[in-house]
Amino acid sequence: MKNLSKSLALFLSIVALLLVFSGCKHDKKLRYEDFDEDDFILVPGIVTKITRTPIYSRGSWYEYNVYYAYNLESDIILEGKQMDVDLALKEGDGTYILVHKDDKGVSFIAGSNLLPKDQKILESYLRKSKESGLKYYGVEDQ
């Protein structure tokens, strides 16, 4: 009986440790600094949505989360988001997006105003969206 209770206690301790350590896993969010800057290209994009999350530890400050679309010249529009952005952007703004050359799903907001040649890409995209009867062509509702 004594061995059974020791075995049971050991088993429960191992199970508890496994639960604790498996709950500590978290996905590391990639940041631009994790890459070589030469691995990126600059493409035009559009801000499709901005949300605010209050940060109570900072009082009345907010974290601004920006959702955007890029690859605007293609039929396959890619989407990205960047959390806690400190840029003066609003929905519908054209902006530059840094896109990884090898993995088009890795992207970051560069935050510049579009040059005239890229502004034309944005305008063409918005026309395509309007003709399709969509707010933003190729973008899922967030």
C-alpha atoms as a PDB file:
ATOM      1  CA  MET A   1       0.000   0.000   0.000  1.00  0.00           C
ATOM      2  CA  LYS A   2       2.884   2.330   0.810  1.00  0.00           C
ATOM      3  CA  ASN A   3       4.493   1.688  -2.603  1.00  0.00           C
ATOM      4  CA  LEU A   4       1.184   2.261  -4.343  1.00  0.00           C
ATOM      5  CA  SER A   5       0.718   5.692  -2.745  1.00  0.00           C
ATOM      6  CA  LYS A   6       4.344   6.654  -3.574  1.00  0.00           C
ATOM      7  CA  SER A   7       3.840   5.531  -7.169  1.00  0.00           C
ATOM      8  CA  LEU A   8       0.559   7.403  -7.394  1.00  0.00           C
ATOM      9  CA  ALA A   9       2.135  10.569  -5.933  1.00  0.00           C
ATOM     10  CA  LEU A  10       5.056  10.312  -8.365  1.00  0.00           C
ATOM     11  CA  PHE A  11       2.691   9.759 -11.296  1.00  0.00           C
ATOM     12  CA  LEU A  12       0.516  12.741 -10.329  1.00  0.00           C
ATOM     13  CA  SER A  13       3.610  14.922  -9.906  1.00  0.00           C
ATOM     14  CA  ILE A  14       4.845  14.011 -13.384  1.00  0.00           C
ATOM     15  CA  VAL A  15       1.431  14.685 -14.900  1.00  0.00           C
ATOM     16  CA  ALA A  16       1.248  18.062 -13.128  1.00  0.00           C
ATOM     17  CA  LEU A  17       4.721  19.032 -14.382  1.00  0.00           C
ATOM     18  CA  LEU A  18       3.817  18.021 -17.941  1.00  0.00           C
ATOM     19  CA  LEU A  19       0.676  20.159 -17.798  1.00  0.00           C
ATOM     20  CA  VAL A  20       2.592  23.136 -16.430  1.00  0.00           C
ATOM     21  CA  PHE A  21       5.374  22.961 -19.016  1.00  0.00           C
ATOM     22  CA  SER A  22       3.063  22.297 -21.956  1.00  0.00           C
ATOM     23  CA  GLY A  23       1.075  25.390 -20.983  1.00  0.00           C
ATOM     24  CA  CYS A  24       4.239  27.494 -21.050  1.00  0.00           C
ATOM     25  CA  LYS A  25       4.794  27.021 -24.771  1.00  0.00           C
ATOM     26  CA  HIS A  26       4.138  30.071 -26.838  1.00  0.00           C
ATOM     27  CA  ASP A  27       4.586  30.897 -30.472  1.00  0.00           C
ATOM     28  CA  LYS A  28       7.414  33.316 -31.015  1.00  0.00           C
ATOM     29  CA  LYS A  29       6.093  36.183 -33.087  1.00  0.00           C
ATOM     30  CA  LEU A  30       8.509  37.042 -35.858  1.00  0.00           C
ATOM     31  CA  ARG A  31       9.783  40.603 -35.982  1.00  0.00           C
ATOM     32  CA  TYR A  32      11.486  42.461 -38.794  1.00  0.00           C
ATOM     33  CA  GLU A  33      14.688  42.491 -36.744  1.00  0.00           C
ATOM     34  CA  ASP A  34      14.763  38.668 -36.908  1.00  0.00           C
ATOM     35  CA  PHE A  35      15.598  38.866 -40.641  1.00  0.00           C
ATOM     36  CA  ASP A  36      18.240  40.340 -42.915  1.00  0.00           C
ATOM     37  CA  GLU A  37      16.887  43.523 -44.494  1.00  0.00           C
ATOM     38  CA  ASP A  38      18.137  42.390 -47.923  1.00  0.00           C
ATOM     39  CA  ASP A  39      15.599  39.532 -47.784  1.00  0.00           C
ATOM     40  CA  PHE A  40      12.686  41.946 -48.300  1.00  0.00           C
ATOM     41  CA  ILE A  41      11.117  43.805 -51.185  1.00  0.00           C
ATOM     42  CA  LEU A  42       8.940  46.902 -50.906  1.00  0.00           C
ATOM     43  CA  VAL A  43       5.441  46.592 -52.389  1.00  0.00           C
ATOM     44  CA  PRO A  44       2.347  48.813 -52.264  1.00  0.00           C
ATOM     45  CA  GLY A  45      -0.465  47.800 -49.936  1.00  0.00           C
ATOM     46  CA  ILE A  46      -3.644  49.117 -48.383  1.00  0.00           C
ATOM     47  CA  VAL A  47      -4.787  49.343 -44.771  1.00  0.00           C
ATOM     48  CA  THR A  48      -8.022  47.337 -44.530  1.00  0.00           C
ATOM     49  CA  LYS A  49      -8.800  47.616 -40.836  1.00  0.00           C
ATOM     50  CA  ILE A  50      -7.494  49.151 -37.618  1.00  0.00           C
ATOM     51  CA  THR A  51      -8.475  48.012 -34.143  1.00  0.00           C
ATOM     52  CA  ARG A  52      -7.626  49.451 -30.743  1.00  0.00           C
ATOM     53  CA  THR A  53      -6.926  47.469 -27.631  1.00  0.00           C
ATOM     54  CA  PRO A  54      -6.683  49.397 -24.334  1.00  0.00           C
ATOM     55  CA  ILE A  55      -3.506  48.874 -22.368  1.00  0.00           C
ATOM     56  CA  TYR A  56      -4.581  49.249 -18.773  1.00  0.00           C
ATOM     57  CA  SER A  57      -1.060  49.355 -17.378  1.00  0.00           C
ATOM     58  CA  ARG A  58      -0.460  52.546 -19.386  1.00  0.00           C
ATOM     59  CA  GLY A  59      -3.650  54.284 -18.309  1.00  0.00           C
ATOM     60  CA  SER A  60      -5.595  55.547 -21.292  1.00  0.00           C
ATOM     61  CA  TRP A  61      -3.125  54.373 -23.945  1.00  0.00           C
ATOM     62  CA  TYR A  62      -4.149  52.023 -26.704  1.00  0.00           C
ATOM     63  CA  GLU A  63      -2.416  49.408 -28.792  1.00  0.00           C
ATOM     64  CA  TYR A  64      -3.241  49.900 -32.474  1.00  0.00           C
ATOM     65  CA  ASN A  65      -3.490  46.743 -34.573  1.00  0.00           C
ATOM     66  CA  VAL A  66      -3.282  47.262 -38.330  1.00  0.00           C
ATOM     67  CA  TYR A  67      -4.622  44.791 -40.900  1.00  0.00           C
ATOM     68  CA  TYR A  68      -3.498  45.253 -44.478  1.00  0.00           C
ATOM     69  CA  ALA A  69      -3.611  43.723 -47.962  1.00  0.00           C
ATOM     70  CA  TYR A  70      -0.781  43.539 -50.483  1.00  0.00           C
ATOM     71  CA  ASN A  71       0.062  41.825 -53.774  1.00  0.00           C
ATOM     72  CA  LEU A  72      -2.562  44.173 -55.200  1.00  0.00           C
ATOM     73  CA  GLU A  73      -1.698  43.586 -58.860  1.00  0.00           C
ATOM     74  CA  SER A  74      -2.554  39.882 -58.620  1.00  0.00           C
ATOM     75  CA  ASP A  75      -5.818  37.979 -58.380  1.00  0.00           C
ATOM     76  CA  ILE A  76      -4.479  36.430 -55.174  1.00  0.00           C
ATOM     77  CA  ILE A  77      -4.445  39.189 -52.589  1.00  0.00           C
ATOM     78  CA  LEU A  78      -2.289  38.510 -49.541  1.00  0.00           C
ATOM     79  CA  GLU A  79      -3.193  39.745 -46.082  1.00  0.00           C
ATOM     80  CA  GLY A  80      -1.143  40.622 -43.061  1.00  0.00           C
ATOM     81  CA  LYS A  81      -1.457  42.222 -39.687  1.00  0.00           C
ATOM     82  CA  GLN A  82       0.870  44.014 -37.377  1.00  0.00           C
ATOM     83  CA  MET A  83       0.099  44.457 -33.722  1.00  0.00           C
ATOM     84  CA  ASP A  84       0.953  47.481 -31.596  1.00  0.00           C
ATOM     85  CA  VAL A  85       1.738  49.786 -34.511  1.00  0.00           C
ATOM     86  CA  ASP A  86       2.828  53.325 -33.805  1.00  0.00           C
ATOM     87  CA  LEU A  87       2.091  54.892 -37.197  1.00  0.00           C
ATOM     88  CA  ALA A  88      -0.428  57.498 -38.280  1.00  0.00           C
ATOM     89  CA  LEU A  89      -2.524  55.263 -40.532  1.00  0.00           C
ATOM     90  CA  LYS A  90      -6.228  54.936 -41.141  1.00  0.00           C
ATOM     91  CA  GLU A  91      -8.366  52.445 -43.037  1.00  0.00           C
ATOM     92  CA  GLY A  92      -8.049  52.843 -46.794  1.00  0.00           C
ATOM     93  CA  ASP A  93      -4.590  54.415 -46.649  1.00  0.00           C
ATOM     94  CA  GLY A  94      -2.037  53.239 -49.159  1.00  0.00           C
ATOM     95  CA  THR A  95       1.246  52.244 -47.559  1.00  0.00           C
ATOM     96  CA  TYR A  96       4.356  50.282 -48.365  1.00  0.00           C
ATOM     97  CA  ILE A  97       4.704  46.724 -47.131  1.00  0.00           C
ATOM     98  CA  LEU A  98       8.002  44.888 -46.714  1.00  0.00           C
ATOM     99  CA  VAL A  99       7.509  41.348 -48.065  1.00  0.00           C
ATOM    100  CA  HIS A 100      10.006  38.524 -47.608  1.00  0.00           C
ATOM    101  CA  LYS A 101      11.421  37.439 -50.991  1.00  0.00           C
ATOM    102  CA  ASP A 102      11.159  33.700 -50.242  1.00  0.00           C
ATOM    103  CA  ASP A 103       8.056  33.595 -48.026  1.00  0.00           C
ATOM    104  CA  LYS A 104       5.355  36.008 -49.226  1.00  0.00           C
ATOM    105  CA  GLY A 105       3.408  35.347 -46.015  1.00  0.00           C
ATOM    106  CA  VAL A 106       6.029  37.206 -43.957  1.00  0.00           C
ATOM    107  CA  SER A 107       5.366  40.924 -44.178  1.00  0.00           C
ATOM    108  CA  PHE A 108       5.681  44.134 -42.198  1.00  0.00           C
ATOM    109  CA  ILE A 109       4.373  47.676 -42.609  1.00  0.00           C
ATOM    110  CA  ALA A 110       7.049  50.075 -43.861  1.00  0.00           C
ATOM    111  CA  GLY A 111       4.839  53.132 -43.330  1.00  0.00           C
ATOM    112  CA  SER A 112       5.613  55.507 -46.205  1.00  0.00           C
ATOM    113  CA  ASN A 113       3.257  57.380 -48.499  1.00  0.00           C
ATOM    114  CA  LEU A 114       2.949  55.766 -51.910  1.00  0.00           C
ATOM    115  CA  LEU A 115       4.828  57.162 -54.890  1.00  0.00           C
ATOM    116  CA  PRO A 116       2.668  58.114 -57.923  1.00  0.00           C
ATOM    117  CA  LYS A 117       3.451  54.886 -59.842  1.00  0.00           C
ATOM    118  CA  ASP A 118       2.383  52.803 -56.843  1.00  0.00           C
ATOM    119  CA  GLN A 119      -0.611  55.045 -56.185  1.00  0.00           C
ATOM    120  CA  LYS A 120      -1.861  53.965 -59.637  1.00  0.00           C
ATOM    121  CA  ILE A 121      -1.622  50.308 -58.538  1.00  0.00           C
ATOM    122  CA  LEU A 122      -3.712  51.153 -55.472  1.00  0.00           C
ATOM    123  CA  GLU A 123      -6.297  53.040 -57.533  1.00  0.00           C
ATOM    124  CA  SER A 124      -6.562  50.126 -59.982  1.00  0.00           C
ATOM    125  CA  TYR A 125      -7.071  47.760 -57.029  1.00  0.00           C
ATOM    126  CA  LEU A 126      -9.804  49.966 -55.557  1.00  0.00           C
ATOM    127  CA  ARG A 127     -11.569  50.114 -58.958  1.00  0.00           C
ATOM    128  CA  LYS A 128     -11.422  46.310 -59.158  1.00  0.00           C
ATOM    129  CA  SER A 129     -12.891  46.109 -55.642  1.00  0.00           C
ATOM    130  CA  LYS A 130     -15.710  48.499 -56.527  1.00  0.00           C
ATOM    131  CA  GLU A 131     -16.506  46.627 -59.757  1.00  0.00           C
ATOM    132  CA  SER A 132     -16.662  43.383 -57.766  1.00  0.00           C
ATOM    133  CA  GLY A 133     -19.023  44.994 -55.259  1.00  0.00           C
ATOM    134  CA  LEU A 134     -16.544  44.478 -52.418  1.00  0.00           C
ATOM    135  CA  LYS A 135     -14.988  46.896 -49.997  1.00  0.00           C
ATOM    136  CA  TYR A 136     -11.577  45.259 -50.493  1.00  0.00           C
ATOM    137  CA  TYR A 137     -11.204  42.659 -53.258  1.00  0.00           C
ATOM    138  CA  GLY A 138      -9.672  39.398 -52.036  1.00  0.00           C
ATOM    139  CA  VAL A 139      -9.814  40.305 -48.357  1.00  0.00           C
ATOM    140  CA  GLU A 140     -11.718  38.141 -45.890  1.00  0.00           C
ATOM    141  CA  ASP A 141     -13.838  39.984 -43.338  1.00  0.00           C
ATOM    142  CA  GLN A 142     -11.786  40.366 -40.191  1.00  0.00           C
END
